[in-house]
Amino acid sequence: MSEDVEVEPDLEVGVGPWVGPWPTDPRYDPELLAAGDRRNVVDRYRYWRLDAIVADLDFRRHDFHVAIENWQHDLNIGTVVRNANAFLAAGVHIVGRRRWNRRGAMVTDRYQHVRYHESIADLVTWAHGEELPVVGIDNLPGAAPLESVVLPRRCVLLFGQEGPGLSERARKACDRMYSIAQYGSTRSINAGVASGIAMHAWVRVHAGPPAG
């Protein structure tokens, strides 16, 4: 290796063992206080127990849900789940196969409520029972540009798979259909990227600044 090449040092994530008297708040985990907290969590949740973090998130979750079809073990599902955690979705719904590749989720599925539906019909029945419109996100003929609309405050954002996008049944079941503007040669972007764009469009309108 050339001596002129600068190598970034390996930086440890998180914090080490708690220094000083331990807090008495029951949300704190004694094992984390003793060993340190190297999880990928924001500072406010350092040393907290997992169930305490989930309870706090539940108190603040947003009014949108995220759903994705899983007929072909799409590797993008993990990214969708991770995005759902970042944007604090009320829930994640996986339609089709129950098994999915969790690697892309980076353990964020532990902080989300994940629900499974055998079919699109099952998802729609649940959503309409909760009075939630199903909003499909896919670049299809007749879809309204996402950039020109305001997403409903309460809704389910539905995404298809890499390649085919939303299935025919999903397209017919959606109450609304929106597309994401693209300017290059590719016909579509994957569900992981699309979900992040759509969720950010929702928070820009309906959410305040993140909690400190």
N, C-alpha and C. Protein backbone atom coordinates (compact mmCIF):
# COMPACT_ATOMS: atom_id res chain seq x y z
N MET A 1 0.85 -1.20 0.00
CA MET A 1 0.00 0.00 0.00
C MET A 1 0.89 1.25 0.00
N SER A 2 0.53 2.24 -0.80
CA SER A 2 1.31 3.47 -0.85
C SER A 2 1.24 4.20 0.48
N GLU A 3 2.36 4.83 0.86
CA GLU A 3 2.36 5.59 2.10
C GLU A 3 1.50 6.84 2.01
N ASP A 4 1.14 7.23 0.77
CA ASP A 4 0.33 8.43 0.60
C ASP A 4 -1.16 8.16 0.82
N VAL A 5 -1.54 6.88 0.91
CA VAL A 5 -2.95 6.54 1.08
C VAL A 5 -3.33 6.67 2.54
N GLU A 6 -4.35 7.46 2.80
CA GLU A 6 -4.80 7.68 4.18
C GLU A 6 -5.89 6.69 4.51
N VAL A 7 -5.75 5.93 5.57
CA VAL A 7 -6.70 4.90 5.97
C VAL A 7 -7.54 5.43 7.14
N GLU A 8 -8.85 5.32 6.98
CA GLU A 8 -9.74 5.74 8.05
C GLU A 8 -9.63 4.79 9.23
N PRO A 9 -9.53 5.28 10.46
CA PRO A 9 -9.48 4.39 11.62
C PRO A 9 -10.83 3.74 11.86
N ASP A 10 -10.81 2.54 12.44
CA ASP A 10 -12.06 1.88 12.81
C ASP A 10 -12.63 2.58 14.03
N LEU A 11 -13.84 3.08 13.89
CA LEU A 11 -14.49 3.81 14.98
C LEU A 11 -15.53 2.92 15.62
N GLU A 12 -15.52 2.84 16.94
CA GLU A 12 -16.50 2.05 17.65
C GLU A 12 -17.83 2.78 17.69
N VAL A 13 -18.88 2.04 17.52
CA VAL A 13 -20.24 2.60 17.57
C VAL A 13 -20.72 2.56 19.00
N GLY A 14 -21.43 3.59 19.42
CA GLY A 14 -22.05 3.57 20.73
C GLY A 14 -21.17 4.07 21.85
N VAL A 15 -21.47 3.55 23.04
CA VAL A 15 -20.79 4.01 24.24
C VAL A 15 -20.33 2.82 25.07
N GLY A 16 -19.35 3.06 25.93
CA GLY A 16 -18.82 2.02 26.79
C GLY A 16 -19.65 1.88 28.07
N PRO A 17 -19.12 1.16 29.04
CA PRO A 17 -19.84 0.98 30.31
C PRO A 17 -20.17 2.32 30.97
N TRP A 18 -21.30 2.33 31.70
CA TRP A 18 -21.75 3.54 32.37
C TRP A 18 -20.72 3.98 33.41
N VAL A 19 -20.43 5.27 33.44
CA VAL A 19 -19.48 5.82 34.40
C VAL A 19 -20.25 6.52 35.51
N GLY A 20 -19.96 6.17 36.76
CA GLY A 20 -20.62 6.79 37.89
C GLY A 20 -21.76 5.93 38.42
N PRO A 21 -22.53 6.48 39.36
CA PRO A 21 -23.65 5.73 39.93
C PRO A 21 -24.67 5.36 38.84
N TRP A 22 -25.17 4.16 38.92
CA TRP A 22 -26.14 3.72 37.91
C TRP A 22 -27.49 4.40 38.11
N PRO A 23 -28.18 4.70 37.00
CA PRO A 23 -29.53 5.27 37.10
C PRO A 23 -30.50 4.23 37.66
N THR A 24 -31.53 4.72 38.35
CA THR A 24 -32.53 3.82 38.93
C THR A 24 -33.75 3.65 38.04
N ASP A 25 -33.80 4.40 36.95
CA ASP A 25 -34.92 4.30 36.00
C ASP A 25 -35.02 2.86 35.49
N PRO A 26 -36.19 2.21 35.60
CA PRO A 26 -36.31 0.81 35.17
C PRO A 26 -36.15 0.60 33.67
N ARG A 27 -36.13 1.66 32.90
CA ARG A 27 -35.94 1.50 31.46
C ARG A 27 -34.50 1.11 31.11
N TYR A 28 -33.59 1.35 32.02
CA TYR A 28 -32.19 1.03 31.76
C TYR A 28 -31.91 -0.46 31.96
N ASP A 29 -31.05 -1.01 31.10
CA ASP A 29 -30.70 -2.42 31.13
C ASP A 29 -29.40 -2.60 31.90
N PRO A 30 -29.41 -3.37 33.01
CA PRO A 30 -28.19 -3.55 33.81
C PRO A 30 -27.03 -4.13 33.00
N GLU A 31 -27.32 -5.04 32.06
CA GLU A 31 -26.25 -5.63 31.26
C GLU A 31 -25.59 -4.58 30.36
N LEU A 32 -26.39 -3.70 29.79
CA LEU A 32 -25.85 -2.65 28.93
C LEU A 32 -25.08 -1.62 29.75
N LEU A 33 -25.59 -1.31 30.94
CA LEU A 33 -24.87 -0.37 31.81
C LEU A 33 -23.49 -0.91 32.16
N ALA A 34 -23.42 -2.22 32.36
CA ALA A 34 -22.15 -2.83 32.77
C ALA A 34 -21.18 -3.00 31.60
N ALA A 35 -21.71 -3.39 30.44
CA ALA A 35 -20.84 -3.74 29.31
C ALA A 35 -20.72 -2.64 28.27
N GLY A 36 -21.62 -1.68 28.27
CA GLY A 36 -21.65 -0.67 27.22
C GLY A 36 -22.75 -0.97 26.22
N ASP A 37 -23.12 0.04 25.45
CA ASP A 37 -24.21 -0.10 24.48
C ASP A 37 -23.67 0.22 23.09
N ARG A 38 -23.46 -0.83 22.29
CA ARG A 38 -22.92 -0.66 20.95
C ARG A 38 -23.98 -0.77 19.87
N ARG A 39 -25.24 -0.70 20.25
CA ARG A 39 -26.32 -0.80 19.28
C ARG A 39 -26.44 0.46 18.42
N ASN A 40 -27.02 0.31 17.26
CA ASN A 40 -27.23 1.45 16.38
C ASN A 40 -28.55 2.13 16.75
N VAL A 41 -28.53 2.82 17.89
CA VAL A 41 -29.71 3.55 18.35
C VAL A 41 -29.34 5.01 18.60
N VAL A 42 -30.33 5.88 18.57
CA VAL A 42 -30.07 7.29 18.85
C VAL A 42 -29.70 7.44 20.32
N ASP A 43 -29.07 8.56 20.66
CA ASP A 43 -28.51 8.75 21.99
C ASP A 43 -29.56 8.66 23.10
N ARG A 44 -30.77 9.09 22.83
CA ARG A 44 -31.79 9.08 23.89
C ARG A 44 -32.09 7.67 24.37
N TYR A 45 -31.79 6.66 23.53
CA TYR A 45 -32.09 5.28 23.90
C TYR A 45 -30.85 4.50 24.37
N ARG A 46 -29.75 5.16 24.58
CA ARG A 46 -28.56 4.47 25.05
C ARG A 46 -28.83 3.81 26.41
N TYR A 47 -28.46 2.56 26.51
CA TYR A 47 -28.57 1.74 27.72
C TYR A 47 -30.02 1.31 28.02
N TRP A 48 -30.98 1.70 27.19
CA TRP A 48 -32.37 1.31 27.45
C TRP A 48 -32.59 -0.15 27.06
N ARG A 49 -33.52 -0.81 27.76
CA ARG A 49 -33.96 -2.15 27.38
C ARG A 49 -34.73 -2.08 26.07
N LEU A 50 -34.70 -3.16 25.31
CA LEU A 50 -35.40 -3.21 24.03
C LEU A 50 -36.89 -2.93 24.19
N ASP A 51 -37.54 -3.58 25.17
CA ASP A 51 -38.98 -3.39 25.33
C ASP A 51 -39.31 -1.96 25.74
N ALA A 52 -38.39 -1.30 26.45
CA ALA A 52 -38.61 0.10 26.84
C ALA A 52 -38.53 1.01 25.62
N ILE A 53 -37.60 0.71 24.72
CA ILE A 53 -37.50 1.50 23.49
C ILE A 53 -38.75 1.35 22.65
N VAL A 54 -39.21 0.11 22.48
CA VAL A 54 -40.41 -0.14 21.67
C VAL A 54 -41.62 0.57 22.28
N ALA A 55 -41.74 0.54 23.60
CA ALA A 55 -42.86 1.20 24.26
C ALA A 55 -42.83 2.71 24.01
N ASP A 56 -41.64 3.30 24.05
CA ASP A 56 -41.53 4.73 23.80
C ASP A 56 -41.84 5.06 22.35
N LEU A 57 -41.37 4.22 21.42
CA LEU A 57 -41.69 4.42 20.01
C LEU A 57 -43.19 4.30 19.76
N ASP A 58 -43.83 3.35 20.43
CA ASP A 58 -45.27 3.15 20.25
C ASP A 58 -46.05 4.39 20.65
N PHE A 59 -45.54 5.12 21.61
CA PHE A 59 -46.21 6.34 22.08
C PHE A 59 -46.14 7.44 21.02
N ARG A 60 -45.16 7.35 20.10
CA ARG A 60 -44.92 8.43 19.16
C ARG A 60 -45.09 8.03 17.70
N ARG A 61 -45.51 6.81 17.42
CA ARG A 61 -45.56 6.35 16.03
C ARG A 61 -46.48 7.21 15.17
N HIS A 62 -46.13 7.28 13.88
CA HIS A 62 -46.92 8.05 12.94
C HIS A 62 -48.14 7.27 12.46
N ASP A 63 -48.96 7.92 11.68
CA ASP A 63 -50.25 7.35 11.29
C ASP A 63 -50.22 6.56 9.99
N PHE A 64 -49.07 6.36 9.39
CA PHE A 64 -49.01 5.58 8.16
C PHE A 64 -48.42 4.20 8.42
N HIS A 65 -48.87 3.23 7.63
CA HIS A 65 -48.33 1.88 7.64
C HIS A 65 -47.61 1.64 6.32
N VAL A 66 -46.74 0.64 6.31
CA VAL A 66 -46.00 0.27 5.12
C VAL A 66 -46.25 -1.20 4.83
N ALA A 67 -46.53 -1.52 3.58
CA ALA A 67 -46.75 -2.91 3.18
C ALA A 67 -45.92 -3.21 1.94
N ILE A 68 -45.45 -4.45 1.86
CA ILE A 68 -44.68 -4.86 0.69
C ILE A 68 -45.02 -6.30 0.34
N GLU A 69 -45.14 -6.55 -0.96
CA GLU A 69 -45.41 -7.91 -1.43
C GLU A 69 -44.13 -8.75 -1.35
N ASN A 70 -44.29 -10.02 -0.97
CA ASN A 70 -43.15 -10.91 -0.82
C ASN A 70 -43.48 -12.26 -1.45
N TRP A 71 -43.41 -12.31 -2.77
CA TRP A 71 -43.69 -13.55 -3.47
C TRP A 71 -42.40 -14.24 -3.91
N GLN A 72 -41.30 -13.51 -3.98
CA GLN A 72 -40.06 -14.05 -4.53
C GLN A 72 -38.85 -13.81 -3.62
N HIS A 73 -39.07 -13.72 -2.31
CA HIS A 73 -37.98 -13.47 -1.37
C HIS A 73 -37.16 -12.25 -1.78
N ASP A 74 -37.83 -11.14 -2.00
CA ASP A 74 -37.17 -9.91 -2.43
C ASP A 74 -36.20 -9.42 -1.34
N LEU A 75 -34.95 -9.19 -1.73
CA LEU A 75 -33.94 -8.73 -0.78
C LEU A 75 -34.18 -7.30 -0.30
N ASN A 76 -35.08 -6.57 -0.98
CA ASN A 76 -35.35 -5.19 -0.60
C ASN A 76 -36.21 -5.07 0.65
N ILE A 77 -36.83 -6.14 1.08
CA ILE A 77 -37.74 -6.06 2.21
C ILE A 77 -37.03 -5.54 3.45
N GLY A 78 -35.82 -6.01 3.67
CA GLY A 78 -35.07 -5.55 4.84
C GLY A 78 -34.88 -4.05 4.83
N THR A 79 -34.61 -3.48 3.67
CA THR A 79 -34.43 -2.03 3.56
C THR A 79 -35.74 -1.30 3.83
N VAL A 80 -36.85 -1.86 3.35
CA VAL A 80 -38.16 -1.26 3.61
C VAL A 80 -38.42 -1.22 5.11
N VAL A 81 -38.11 -2.31 5.79
CA VAL A 81 -38.32 -2.37 7.24
C VAL A 81 -37.42 -1.36 7.95
N ARG A 82 -36.19 -1.27 7.51
CA ARG A 82 -35.27 -0.30 8.12
C ARG A 82 -35.76 1.13 7.91
N ASN A 83 -36.26 1.43 6.73
CA ASN A 83 -36.82 2.75 6.47
C ASN A 83 -38.05 3.00 7.33
N ALA A 84 -38.88 1.98 7.50
CA ALA A 84 -40.08 2.12 8.32
C ALA A 84 -39.71 2.48 9.75
N ASN A 85 -38.61 1.92 10.24
CA ASN A 85 -38.14 2.26 11.58
C ASN A 85 -37.63 3.69 11.61
N ALA A 86 -36.86 4.08 10.60
CA ALA A 86 -36.29 5.43 10.56
C ALA A 86 -37.37 6.50 10.54
N PHE A 87 -38.45 6.24 9.80
CA PHE A 87 -39.53 7.22 9.67
C PHE A 87 -40.69 6.95 10.63
N LEU A 88 -40.53 5.95 11.51
CA LEU A 88 -41.46 5.64 12.59
C LEU A 88 -42.87 5.31 12.08
N ALA A 89 -42.93 4.35 11.16
CA ALA A 89 -44.22 3.88 10.66
C ALA A 89 -44.99 3.18 11.77
N ALA A 90 -46.29 3.24 11.69
CA ALA A 90 -47.13 2.58 12.69
C ALA A 90 -46.95 1.07 12.65
N GLY A 91 -46.74 0.53 11.46
CA GLY A 91 -46.56 -0.91 11.34
C GLY A 91 -46.03 -1.28 9.98
N VAL A 92 -45.50 -2.49 9.89
CA VAL A 92 -45.00 -3.05 8.63
C VAL A 92 -45.82 -4.29 8.31
N HIS A 93 -46.26 -4.39 7.07
CA HIS A 93 -47.10 -5.51 6.64
C HIS A 93 -46.43 -6.22 5.47
N ILE A 94 -46.22 -7.50 5.63
CA ILE A 94 -45.59 -8.31 4.58
C ILE A 94 -46.65 -9.23 4.00
N VAL A 95 -46.84 -9.11 2.69
CA VAL A 95 -47.90 -9.86 2.01
C VAL A 95 -47.30 -11.02 1.24
N GLY A 96 -47.75 -12.22 1.52
CA GLY A 96 -47.24 -13.39 0.82
C GLY A 96 -46.42 -14.26 1.74
N ARG A 97 -45.21 -14.58 1.35
CA ARG A 97 -44.33 -15.45 2.14
C ARG A 97 -43.98 -14.80 3.48
N ARG A 98 -43.97 -15.63 4.51
CA ARG A 98 -43.61 -15.13 5.83
C ARG A 98 -42.10 -14.99 5.99
N ARG A 99 -41.34 -15.81 5.28
CA ARG A 99 -39.89 -15.76 5.40
C ARG A 99 -39.33 -14.65 4.51
N TRP A 100 -38.43 -13.86 5.06
CA TRP A 100 -37.79 -12.81 4.28
C TRP A 100 -36.38 -12.58 4.81
N ASN A 101 -35.54 -12.03 3.97
CA ASN A 101 -34.14 -11.81 4.31
C ASN A 101 -34.03 -10.61 5.25
N ARG A 102 -33.68 -10.88 6.50
CA ARG A 102 -33.64 -9.82 7.50
C ARG A 102 -32.32 -9.05 7.52
N ARG A 103 -31.36 -9.47 6.74
CA ARG A 103 -30.04 -8.83 6.81
C ARG A 103 -30.12 -7.33 6.55
N GLY A 104 -30.88 -6.94 5.54
CA GLY A 104 -30.97 -5.52 5.21
C GLY A 104 -31.67 -4.70 6.27
N ALA A 105 -32.44 -5.35 7.14
CA ALA A 105 -33.15 -4.61 8.19
C ALA A 105 -32.22 -4.15 9.29
N MET A 106 -31.04 -4.78 9.40
CA MET A 106 -30.05 -4.38 10.42
C MET A 106 -30.68 -4.37 11.82
N VAL A 107 -31.43 -5.41 12.12
CA VAL A 107 -32.13 -5.68 13.39
C VAL A 107 -33.20 -4.65 13.74
N THR A 108 -33.51 -3.74 12.83
CA THR A 108 -34.56 -2.74 13.13
C THR A 108 -35.94 -3.38 13.22
N ASP A 109 -36.10 -4.61 12.69
CA ASP A 109 -37.40 -5.27 12.80
C ASP A 109 -37.75 -5.53 14.27
N ARG A 110 -36.76 -5.55 15.15
CA ARG A 110 -37.04 -5.73 16.58
C ARG A 110 -37.81 -4.55 17.17
N TYR A 111 -37.71 -3.41 16.52
CA TYR A 111 -38.35 -2.20 17.03
C TYR A 111 -39.67 -1.90 16.31
N GLN A 112 -40.03 -2.73 15.34
CA GLN A 112 -41.24 -2.51 14.55
C GLN A 112 -42.27 -3.61 14.83
N HIS A 113 -43.53 -3.27 14.59
CA HIS A 113 -44.60 -4.27 14.66
C HIS A 113 -44.79 -4.80 13.24
N VAL A 114 -44.42 -6.05 13.02
CA VAL A 114 -44.49 -6.66 11.70
C VAL A 114 -45.67 -7.61 11.67
N ARG A 115 -46.54 -7.42 10.69
CA ARG A 115 -47.74 -8.25 10.55
C ARG A 115 -47.72 -8.92 9.18
N TYR A 116 -48.23 -10.15 9.12
CA TYR A 116 -48.21 -10.91 7.87
C TYR A 116 -49.62 -11.11 7.34
N HIS A 117 -49.74 -11.04 6.01
CA HIS A 117 -51.01 -11.26 5.33
C HIS A 117 -50.78 -12.26 4.20
N GLU A 118 -51.62 -13.25 4.10
CA GLU A 118 -51.43 -14.28 3.08
C GLU A 118 -51.64 -13.76 1.67
N SER A 119 -52.47 -12.75 1.52
CA SER A 119 -52.80 -12.25 0.18
C SER A 119 -53.07 -10.76 0.22
N ILE A 120 -53.12 -10.17 -0.96
CA ILE A 120 -53.49 -8.76 -1.07
C ILE A 120 -54.90 -8.55 -0.54
N ALA A 121 -55.78 -9.48 -0.82
CA ALA A 121 -57.16 -9.37 -0.33
C ALA A 121 -57.20 -9.28 1.19
N ASP A 122 -56.35 -10.07 1.85
CA ASP A 122 -56.30 -10.03 3.31
C ASP A 122 -55.81 -8.67 3.81
N LEU A 123 -54.78 -8.14 3.14
CA LEU A 123 -54.26 -6.82 3.52
C LEU A 123 -55.33 -5.75 3.36
N VAL A 124 -56.00 -5.76 2.23
CA VAL A 124 -57.01 -4.74 1.96
C VAL A 124 -58.17 -4.84 2.95
N THR A 125 -58.58 -6.06 3.26
CA THR A 125 -59.66 -6.24 4.25
C THR A 125 -59.26 -5.63 5.58
N TRP A 126 -58.02 -5.90 6.00
CA TRP A 126 -57.55 -5.31 7.26
C TRP A 126 -57.51 -3.79 7.17
N ALA A 127 -56.91 -3.27 6.09
CA ALA A 127 -56.75 -1.81 5.95
C ALA A 127 -58.09 -1.09 5.94
N HIS A 128 -59.03 -1.58 5.16
CA HIS A 128 -60.33 -0.92 5.08
C HIS A 128 -61.10 -1.06 6.39
N GLY A 129 -60.86 -2.14 7.11
CA GLY A 129 -61.47 -2.28 8.43
C GLY A 129 -60.97 -1.23 9.40
N GLU A 130 -59.74 -0.78 9.18
CA GLU A 130 -59.14 0.29 10.00
C GLU A 130 -59.37 1.66 9.38
N GLU A 131 -60.14 1.71 8.29
CA GLU A 131 -60.41 2.94 7.55
C GLU A 131 -59.13 3.59 7.04
N LEU A 132 -58.24 2.74 6.52
CA LEU A 132 -56.98 3.19 5.94
C LEU A 132 -57.00 2.96 4.43
N PRO A 133 -56.87 4.01 3.62
CA PRO A 133 -56.76 3.80 2.19
C PRO A 133 -55.43 3.12 1.85
N VAL A 134 -55.45 2.26 0.83
CA VAL A 134 -54.23 1.59 0.37
C VAL A 134 -53.66 2.40 -0.79
N VAL A 135 -52.46 2.91 -0.61
CA VAL A 135 -51.82 3.77 -1.59
C VAL A 135 -50.67 3.01 -2.25
N GLY A 136 -50.83 2.67 -3.51
CA GLY A 136 -49.78 1.98 -4.24
C GLY A 136 -48.72 2.95 -4.73
N ILE A 137 -47.46 2.55 -4.60
CA ILE A 137 -46.35 3.37 -5.12
C ILE A 137 -45.67 2.56 -6.22
N ASP A 138 -45.88 2.97 -7.46
CA ASP A 138 -45.29 2.26 -8.59
C ASP A 138 -45.41 3.16 -9.82
N ASN A 139 -44.44 3.06 -10.71
CA ASN A 139 -44.46 3.87 -11.93
C ASN A 139 -45.28 3.16 -12.99
N LEU A 140 -46.57 3.38 -12.92
CA LEU A 140 -47.52 2.73 -13.83
C LEU A 140 -48.29 3.78 -14.62
N PRO A 141 -48.76 3.42 -15.80
CA PRO A 141 -49.58 4.36 -16.57
C PRO A 141 -50.79 4.83 -15.76
N GLY A 142 -51.03 6.11 -15.77
CA GLY A 142 -52.18 6.67 -15.05
C GLY A 142 -51.91 7.02 -13.61
N ALA A 143 -50.75 6.63 -13.07
CA ALA A 143 -50.42 6.97 -11.68
C ALA A 143 -50.13 8.46 -11.57
N ALA A 144 -50.63 9.09 -10.52
CA ALA A 144 -50.38 10.51 -10.30
C ALA A 144 -48.96 10.71 -9.75
N PRO A 145 -48.26 11.74 -10.16
CA PRO A 145 -46.91 11.98 -9.64
C PRO A 145 -46.93 12.24 -8.14
N LEU A 146 -46.13 11.51 -7.41
CA LEU A 146 -46.05 11.70 -5.96
C LEU A 146 -45.67 13.13 -5.62
N GLU A 147 -44.88 13.75 -6.47
CA GLU A 147 -44.41 15.11 -6.20
C GLU A 147 -45.52 16.15 -6.27
N SER A 148 -46.66 15.78 -6.84
CA SER A 148 -47.74 16.76 -7.03
C SER A 148 -48.92 16.53 -6.10
N VAL A 149 -48.80 15.56 -5.16
CA VAL A 149 -49.94 15.24 -4.29
C VAL A 149 -49.51 15.30 -2.83
N VAL A 150 -50.50 15.26 -1.96
CA VAL A 150 -50.27 15.15 -0.52
C VAL A 150 -50.78 13.79 -0.08
N LEU A 151 -49.90 12.99 0.47
CA LEU A 151 -50.31 11.67 0.92
C LEU A 151 -51.30 11.79 2.08
N PRO A 152 -52.27 10.89 2.17
CA PRO A 152 -53.20 10.92 3.30
C PRO A 152 -52.46 10.76 4.62
N ARG A 153 -52.96 11.38 5.65
CA ARG A 153 -52.31 11.25 6.96
C ARG A 153 -52.39 9.82 7.45
N ARG A 154 -53.54 9.21 7.30
CA ARG A 154 -53.71 7.81 7.69
C ARG A 154 -53.80 6.98 6.42
N CYS A 155 -52.87 6.06 6.24
CA CYS A 155 -52.86 5.28 5.00
C CYS A 155 -51.93 4.09 5.14
N VAL A 156 -51.99 3.21 4.14
CA VAL A 156 -51.03 2.13 3.98
C VAL A 156 -50.29 2.36 2.67
N LEU A 157 -48.98 2.51 2.73
CA LEU A 157 -48.17 2.67 1.52
C LEU A 157 -47.75 1.27 1.07
N LEU A 158 -48.15 0.90 -0.12
CA LEU A 158 -47.92 -0.46 -0.62
C LEU A 158 -46.88 -0.47 -1.73
N PHE A 159 -45.90 -1.37 -1.60
CA PHE A 159 -44.81 -1.47 -2.57
C PHE A 159 -44.75 -2.89 -3.13
N GLY A 160 -44.31 -2.97 -4.39
CA GLY A 160 -44.16 -4.26 -5.04
C GLY A 160 -42.72 -4.74 -4.96
N GLN A 161 -42.40 -5.71 -5.79
CA GLN A 161 -41.09 -6.34 -5.75
C GLN A 161 -40.17 -5.79 -6.83
N GLU A 162 -38.89 -6.07 -6.63
CA GLU A 162 -37.88 -5.70 -7.63
C GLU A 162 -38.25 -6.33 -8.97
N GLY A 163 -38.25 -5.55 -10.03
CA GLY A 163 -38.56 -6.07 -11.36
C GLY A 163 -40.02 -5.86 -11.73
N PRO A 164 -40.92 -6.75 -11.28
CA PRO A 164 -42.30 -6.63 -11.71
C PRO A 164 -43.08 -5.51 -11.05
N GLY A 165 -42.61 -5.03 -9.90
CA GLY A 165 -43.37 -4.01 -9.19
C GLY A 165 -44.60 -4.61 -8.55
N LEU A 166 -45.64 -3.82 -8.40
CA LEU A 166 -46.87 -4.31 -7.79
C LEU A 166 -47.51 -5.38 -8.67
N SER A 167 -48.03 -6.41 -8.04
CA SER A 167 -48.73 -7.46 -8.78
C SER A 167 -50.03 -6.90 -9.36
N GLU A 168 -50.59 -7.62 -10.31
CA GLU A 168 -51.84 -7.18 -10.93
C GLU A 168 -52.95 -7.05 -9.90
N ARG A 169 -53.03 -8.01 -8.97
CA ARG A 169 -54.06 -7.95 -7.93
C ARG A 169 -53.86 -6.73 -7.03
N ALA A 170 -52.60 -6.43 -6.73
CA ALA A 170 -52.33 -5.27 -5.89
C ALA A 170 -52.72 -3.98 -6.60
N ARG A 171 -52.40 -3.89 -7.88
CA ARG A 171 -52.75 -2.69 -8.64
C ARG A 171 -54.25 -2.43 -8.61
N LYS A 172 -55.02 -3.48 -8.80
CA LYS A 172 -56.48 -3.34 -8.83
C LYS A 172 -57.05 -3.03 -7.45
N ALA A 173 -56.34 -3.45 -6.41
CA ALA A 173 -56.86 -3.27 -5.05
C ALA A 173 -56.56 -1.90 -4.46
N CYS A 174 -55.59 -1.18 -5.04
CA CYS A 174 -55.19 0.10 -4.46
C CYS A 174 -56.29 1.15 -4.61
N ASP A 175 -56.46 1.95 -3.59
CA ASP A 175 -57.41 3.05 -3.64
C ASP A 175 -56.83 4.24 -4.40
N ARG A 176 -55.50 4.38 -4.36
CA ARG A 176 -54.81 5.44 -5.09
C ARG A 176 -53.49 4.87 -5.59
N MET A 177 -52.96 5.47 -6.64
CA MET A 177 -51.69 5.01 -7.19
C MET A 177 -50.82 6.22 -7.52
N TYR A 178 -49.61 6.24 -6.97
CA TYR A 178 -48.70 7.35 -7.20
C TYR A 178 -47.37 6.84 -7.75
N SER A 179 -46.75 7.66 -8.57
CA SER A 179 -45.45 7.32 -9.16
C SER A 179 -44.39 8.27 -8.65
N ILE A 180 -43.13 7.84 -8.74
CA ILE A 180 -41.99 8.67 -8.33
C ILE A 180 -41.25 9.11 -9.59
N ALA A 181 -41.05 10.39 -9.73
CA ALA A 181 -40.41 10.93 -10.94
C ALA A 181 -39.00 10.39 -11.10
N GLN A 182 -38.67 9.94 -12.31
CA GLN A 182 -37.32 9.48 -12.64
C GLN A 182 -36.91 10.10 -13.97
N TYR A 183 -35.60 10.33 -14.11
CA TYR A 183 -35.13 11.07 -15.27
C TYR A 183 -34.05 10.34 -16.06
N GLY A 184 -33.68 9.16 -15.62
CA GLY A 184 -32.64 8.41 -16.31
C GLY A 184 -33.21 7.33 -17.19
N SER A 185 -32.40 6.31 -17.49
CA SER A 185 -32.79 5.27 -18.42
C SER A 185 -33.52 4.10 -17.77
N THR A 186 -33.41 3.97 -16.44
CA THR A 186 -34.02 2.83 -15.76
C THR A 186 -35.51 3.02 -15.63
N ARG A 187 -36.26 1.93 -15.85
CA ARG A 187 -37.72 2.01 -15.79
C ARG A 187 -38.22 2.25 -14.37
N SER A 188 -37.53 1.66 -13.39
CA SER A 188 -38.01 1.78 -12.01
C SER A 188 -36.84 1.73 -11.04
N ILE A 189 -37.11 2.15 -9.82
CA ILE A 189 -36.15 2.01 -8.73
C ILE A 189 -36.66 0.91 -7.80
N ASN A 190 -35.75 0.33 -7.01
CA ASN A 190 -36.20 -0.79 -6.17
C ASN A 190 -37.06 -0.31 -5.02
N ALA A 191 -37.76 -1.28 -4.41
CA ALA A 191 -38.72 -0.96 -3.36
C ALA A 191 -38.05 -0.32 -2.15
N GLY A 192 -36.80 -0.69 -1.86
CA GLY A 192 -36.12 -0.09 -0.74
C GLY A 192 -35.95 1.41 -0.91
N VAL A 193 -35.51 1.82 -2.09
CA VAL A 193 -35.34 3.25 -2.36
C VAL A 193 -36.70 3.94 -2.45
N ALA A 194 -37.64 3.33 -3.17
CA ALA A 194 -38.96 3.93 -3.33
C ALA A 194 -39.65 4.14 -1.99
N SER A 195 -39.49 3.19 -1.09
CA SER A 195 -40.15 3.31 0.21
C SER A 195 -39.59 4.50 1.00
N GLY A 196 -38.27 4.69 0.93
CA GLY A 196 -37.67 5.82 1.62
C GLY A 196 -38.17 7.16 1.08
N ILE A 197 -38.29 7.24 -0.23
CA ILE A 197 -38.78 8.48 -0.86
C ILE A 197 -40.22 8.74 -0.44
N ALA A 198 -41.06 7.71 -0.50
CA ALA A 198 -42.48 7.88 -0.17
C ALA A 198 -42.69 8.22 1.30
N MET A 199 -41.95 7.56 2.18
CA MET A 199 -42.09 7.85 3.61
C MET A 199 -41.62 9.27 3.93
N HIS A 200 -40.56 9.68 3.25
CA HIS A 200 -40.08 11.06 3.47
C HIS A 200 -41.10 12.06 2.97
N ALA A 201 -41.78 11.75 1.87
CA ALA A 201 -42.84 12.63 1.37
C ALA A 201 -43.95 12.76 2.41
N TRP A 202 -44.22 11.66 3.11
CA TRP A 202 -45.26 11.70 4.16
C TRP A 202 -44.81 12.57 5.33
N VAL A 203 -43.58 12.36 5.84
CA VAL A 203 -43.15 13.10 7.02
C VAL A 203 -42.97 14.59 6.74
N ARG A 204 -42.64 14.94 5.52
CA ARG A 204 -42.48 16.35 5.18
C ARG A 204 -43.77 17.12 5.41
N VAL A 205 -44.89 16.46 5.22
CA VAL A 205 -46.19 17.13 5.34
C VAL A 205 -46.80 16.94 6.73
N HIS A 206 -46.68 15.73 7.27
CA HIS A 206 -47.47 15.40 8.47
C HIS A 206 -46.68 15.31 9.77
N ALA A 207 -45.35 15.34 9.74
CA ALA A 207 -44.58 15.14 10.97
C ALA A 207 -43.80 16.40 11.34
N GLY A 208 -43.59 16.58 12.63
CA GLY A 208 -42.78 17.69 13.11
C GLY A 208 -41.33 17.29 13.18
N PRO A 209 -40.49 18.13 13.80
CA PRO A 209 -39.07 17.79 13.95
C PRO A 209 -38.91 16.51 14.78
N PRO A 210 -37.88 15.72 14.51
CA PRO A 210 -37.65 14.51 15.31
C PRO A 210 -37.42 14.85 16.77
N ALA A 211 -37.79 13.92 17.63
CA ALA A 211 -37.56 14.11 19.07
C ALA A 211 -36.06 14.09 19.35
N GLY A 212 -35.63 14.86 20.29
CA GLY A 212 -34.21 14.94 20.61
C GLY A 212 -33.74 13.76 21.43
